Amino acid sequence: MGLPGIILRCVEYMELKDLGRPVAFLAKMIGHRPFAIQLIGRGLLDPNMMKRLLDNMSPREVMLDVLMIVSDLARMDEVRF
């Protein structure tokens, strides 16, 4: 499963108020292509995951980090979705 899969599984079960650090870690590591590809493969961009992370009840820092992740992924020209 690897680290990206483990982190995403944990994020699924964490309360919204506790998502700040794991999502911040993902935002820092998303620039590493192999990590980004694994995250995408494990469901980071799944509509249900995005809905949860961008929920209006999510802490502001989580929403900002998720938007940074999406922005960084959009800039990567070699990552295949």
N, C-alpha and C. Protein backbone atom coordinates (compact mmCIF):
# COMPACT_ATOMS: atom_id res chain seq x y z
N MET A 1 0.83 -1.19 0.00
CA MET A 1 0.00 0.00 0.00
C MET A 1 0.87 1.25 0.00
N GLY A 2 1.92 1.28 0.74
CA GLY A 2 2.81 2.42 0.77
C GLY A 2 2.32 3.57 1.61
N LEU A 3 3.20 4.50 1.86
CA LEU A 3 2.90 5.66 2.70
C LEU A 3 1.72 6.49 2.19
N PRO A 4 1.66 6.80 0.90
CA PRO A 4 0.51 7.60 0.43
C PRO A 4 -0.84 6.93 0.71
N GLY A 5 -0.91 5.63 0.49
CA GLY A 5 -2.15 4.92 0.75
C GLY A 5 -2.52 4.91 2.22
N ILE A 6 -1.52 4.74 3.07
CA ILE A 6 -1.76 4.74 4.52
C ILE A 6 -2.27 6.10 4.97
N ILE A 7 -1.65 7.16 4.50
CA ILE A 7 -2.07 8.50 4.89
C ILE A 7 -3.50 8.76 4.43
N LEU A 8 -3.82 8.40 3.19
CA LEU A 8 -5.18 8.63 2.69
C LEU A 8 -6.21 7.83 3.46
N ARG A 9 -5.89 6.59 3.84
CA ARG A 9 -6.82 5.79 4.64
C ARG A 9 -7.04 6.44 5.99
N CYS A 10 -6.00 6.97 6.59
CA CYS A 10 -6.14 7.65 7.88
C CYS A 10 -7.00 8.90 7.75
N VAL A 11 -6.79 9.65 6.67
CA VAL A 11 -7.55 10.88 6.44
C VAL A 11 -9.04 10.58 6.33
N GLU A 12 -9.37 9.44 5.75
CA GLU A 12 -10.78 9.06 5.60
C GLU A 12 -11.50 8.94 6.94
N TYR A 13 -10.77 8.53 7.98
CA TYR A 13 -11.40 8.25 9.27
C TYR A 13 -11.16 9.31 10.33
N MET A 14 -10.35 10.31 10.01
CA MET A 14 -10.07 11.37 10.98
C MET A 14 -11.19 12.40 11.01
N GLU A 15 -11.33 13.05 12.13
CA GLU A 15 -12.27 14.15 12.23
C GLU A 15 -11.71 15.35 11.48
N LEU A 16 -12.60 16.20 10.98
CA LEU A 16 -12.17 17.35 10.19
C LEU A 16 -11.18 18.24 10.93
N LYS A 17 -11.39 18.43 12.21
CA LYS A 17 -10.53 19.33 12.98
C LYS A 17 -9.11 18.79 13.12
N ASP A 18 -8.90 17.50 12.86
CA ASP A 18 -7.58 16.89 13.01
C ASP A 18 -6.84 16.69 11.69
N LEU A 19 -7.37 17.20 10.61
CA LEU A 19 -6.79 16.96 9.29
C LEU A 19 -5.65 17.91 8.92
N GLY A 20 -5.41 18.92 9.71
CA GLY A 20 -4.42 19.94 9.36
C GLY A 20 -3.04 19.40 9.07
N ARG A 21 -2.48 18.64 9.98
CA ARG A 21 -1.11 18.15 9.80
C ARG A 21 -0.97 17.12 8.69
N PRO A 22 -1.84 16.12 8.61
CA PRO A 22 -1.68 15.16 7.51
C PRO A 22 -1.83 15.81 6.13
N VAL A 23 -2.77 16.72 5.98
CA VAL A 23 -2.96 17.38 4.69
C VAL A 23 -1.79 18.33 4.41
N ALA A 24 -1.26 18.98 5.42
CA ALA A 24 -0.09 19.83 5.23
C ALA A 24 1.11 18.99 4.78
N PHE A 25 1.26 17.79 5.33
CA PHE A 25 2.33 16.90 4.91
C PHE A 25 2.16 16.51 3.44
N LEU A 26 0.94 16.18 3.06
CA LEU A 26 0.67 15.84 1.66
C LEU A 26 1.00 17.02 0.75
N ALA A 27 0.65 18.22 1.18
CA ALA A 27 0.91 19.42 0.38
C ALA A 27 2.41 19.64 0.19
N LYS A 28 3.20 19.34 1.21
CA LYS A 28 4.66 19.51 1.10
C LYS A 28 5.27 18.46 0.18
N MET A 29 4.73 17.24 0.21
CA MET A 29 5.31 16.13 -0.54
C MET A 29 4.80 16.01 -1.96
N ILE A 30 3.76 16.73 -2.33
CA ILE A 30 3.13 16.56 -3.63
C ILE A 30 4.08 16.94 -4.77
N GLY A 31 5.09 17.72 -4.51
CA GLY A 31 6.05 18.10 -5.54
C GLY A 31 6.96 16.95 -5.97
N HIS A 32 7.01 15.90 -5.19
CA HIS A 32 7.81 14.71 -5.51
C HIS A 32 6.96 13.81 -6.41
N ARG A 33 7.32 13.72 -7.68
CA ARG A 33 6.48 13.05 -8.68
C ARG A 33 6.04 11.63 -8.31
N PRO A 34 6.95 10.75 -7.87
CA PRO A 34 6.49 9.40 -7.53
C PRO A 34 5.44 9.41 -6.41
N PHE A 35 5.62 10.29 -5.45
CA PHE A 35 4.64 10.41 -4.35
C PHE A 35 3.31 10.91 -4.90
N ALA A 36 3.35 11.90 -5.79
CA ALA A 36 2.13 12.45 -6.37
C ALA A 36 1.38 11.39 -7.17
N ILE A 37 2.11 10.62 -7.95
CA ILE A 37 1.48 9.57 -8.76
C ILE A 37 0.83 8.52 -7.87
N GLN A 38 1.50 8.15 -6.77
CA GLN A 38 0.92 7.19 -5.84
C GLN A 38 -0.33 7.75 -5.18
N LEU A 39 -0.28 9.02 -4.79
CA LEU A 39 -1.46 9.64 -4.15
C LEU A 39 -2.65 9.65 -5.09
N ILE A 40 -2.42 9.99 -6.34
CA ILE A 40 -3.51 10.02 -7.31
C ILE A 40 -4.05 8.61 -7.51
N GLY A 41 -3.15 7.65 -7.61
CA GLY A 41 -3.57 6.27 -7.78
C GLY A 41 -4.34 5.71 -6.61
N ARG A 42 -4.06 6.22 -5.43
CA ARG A 42 -4.73 5.75 -4.22
C ARG A 42 -6.04 6.50 -3.92
N GLY A 43 -6.38 7.48 -4.75
CA GLY A 43 -7.68 8.12 -4.60
C GLY A 43 -7.70 9.52 -4.04
N LEU A 44 -6.60 10.22 -4.09
CA LEU A 44 -6.59 11.60 -3.57
C LEU A 44 -7.62 12.47 -4.28
N LEU A 45 -7.77 12.30 -5.57
CA LEU A 45 -8.69 13.14 -6.34
C LEU A 45 -10.08 12.54 -6.46
N ASP A 46 -10.34 11.50 -5.68
CA ASP A 46 -11.68 10.90 -5.66
C ASP A 46 -12.69 11.97 -5.26
N PRO A 47 -13.82 12.04 -5.96
CA PRO A 47 -14.81 13.09 -5.64
C PRO A 47 -15.26 13.09 -4.19
N ASN A 48 -15.41 11.92 -3.59
CA ASN A 48 -15.83 11.87 -2.18
C ASN A 48 -14.75 12.42 -1.25
N MET A 49 -13.49 12.13 -1.57
CA MET A 49 -12.38 12.64 -0.77
C MET A 49 -12.31 14.16 -0.90
N MET A 50 -12.40 14.67 -2.12
CA MET A 50 -12.35 16.12 -2.34
C MET A 50 -13.53 16.81 -1.66
N LYS A 51 -14.69 16.20 -1.73
CA LYS A 51 -15.87 16.78 -1.09
C LYS A 51 -15.65 16.91 0.41
N ARG A 52 -15.06 15.88 1.00
CA ARG A 52 -14.81 15.90 2.43
C ARG A 52 -13.76 16.94 2.80
N LEU A 53 -12.68 16.99 2.04
CA LEU A 53 -11.59 17.92 2.37
C LEU A 53 -11.95 19.37 2.10
N LEU A 54 -12.81 19.62 1.14
CA LEU A 54 -13.20 21.00 0.81
C LEU A 54 -14.55 21.39 1.40
N ASP A 55 -15.02 20.60 2.33
CA ASP A 55 -16.28 20.89 3.01
C ASP A 55 -16.17 22.23 3.73
N ASN A 56 -17.28 22.95 3.80
CA ASN A 56 -17.24 24.26 4.46
C ASN A 56 -16.98 24.16 5.96
N MET A 57 -17.05 22.95 6.51
CA MET A 57 -16.75 22.75 7.93
C MET A 57 -15.27 22.42 8.17
N SER A 58 -14.52 22.19 7.09
CA SER A 58 -13.08 21.90 7.21
C SER A 58 -12.35 23.14 7.69
N PRO A 59 -11.29 22.95 8.46
CA PRO A 59 -10.49 24.10 8.86
C PRO A 59 -9.92 24.82 7.63
N ARG A 60 -9.74 26.10 7.77
CA ARG A 60 -9.26 26.92 6.66
C ARG A 60 -7.93 26.42 6.10
N GLU A 61 -7.01 26.02 6.99
CA GLU A 61 -5.70 25.57 6.53
C GLU A 61 -5.80 24.28 5.70
N VAL A 62 -6.77 23.44 6.01
CA VAL A 62 -6.98 22.22 5.23
C VAL A 62 -7.44 22.58 3.83
N MET A 63 -8.41 23.47 3.73
CA MET A 63 -8.91 23.88 2.41
C MET A 63 -7.80 24.52 1.58
N LEU A 64 -6.99 25.38 2.20
CA LEU A 64 -5.89 26.03 1.48
C LEU A 64 -4.86 25.01 1.01
N ASP A 65 -4.52 24.06 1.86
CA ASP A 65 -3.55 23.03 1.47
C ASP A 65 -4.09 22.15 0.34
N VAL A 66 -5.36 21.81 0.39
CA VAL A 66 -5.96 21.00 -0.68
C VAL A 66 -5.93 21.78 -1.99
N LEU A 67 -6.24 23.04 -1.96
CA LEU A 67 -6.20 23.85 -3.17
C LEU A 67 -4.76 23.97 -3.70
N MET A 68 -3.79 24.05 -2.80
CA MET A 68 -2.38 24.07 -3.22
C MET A 68 -1.99 22.75 -3.87
N ILE A 69 -2.47 21.64 -3.32
CA ILE A 69 -2.19 20.32 -3.88
C ILE A 69 -2.74 20.24 -5.30
N VAL A 70 -3.99 20.63 -5.48
CA VAL A 70 -4.61 20.58 -6.80
C VAL A 70 -3.87 21.49 -7.77
N SER A 71 -3.48 22.66 -7.31
CA SER A 71 -2.74 23.59 -8.16
C SER A 71 -1.39 23.01 -8.58
N ASP A 72 -0.67 22.42 -7.63
CA ASP A 72 0.62 21.82 -7.95
C ASP A 72 0.47 20.65 -8.92
N LEU A 73 -0.56 19.84 -8.74
CA LEU A 73 -0.80 18.73 -9.66
C LEU A 73 -1.13 19.23 -11.06
N ALA A 74 -1.86 20.32 -11.14
CA ALA A 74 -2.22 20.88 -12.44
C ALA A 74 -0.99 21.39 -13.18
N ARG A 75 0.02 21.80 -12.44
CA ARG A 75 1.24 22.32 -13.06
C ARG A 75 2.18 21.22 -13.54
N MET A 76 1.99 20.02 -13.02
CA MET A 76 2.86 18.91 -13.41
C MET A 76 2.44 18.43 -14.79
N ASP A 77 3.33 18.55 -15.75
CA ASP A 77 2.97 18.20 -17.12
C ASP A 77 3.11 16.72 -17.42
N GLU A 78 3.85 15.97 -16.62
CA GLU A 78 4.07 14.56 -16.93
C GLU A 78 3.21 13.61 -16.11
N VAL A 79 2.52 14.10 -15.12
CA VAL A 79 1.67 13.23 -14.31
C VAL A 79 0.42 12.91 -15.11
N ARG A 80 0.16 11.64 -15.26
CA ARG A 80 -1.04 11.20 -16.00
C ARG A 80 -2.15 10.88 -15.02
N PHE A 81 -3.29 11.48 -15.22
CA PHE A 81 -4.42 11.23 -14.33
C PHE A 81 -5.15 10.06 -14.86
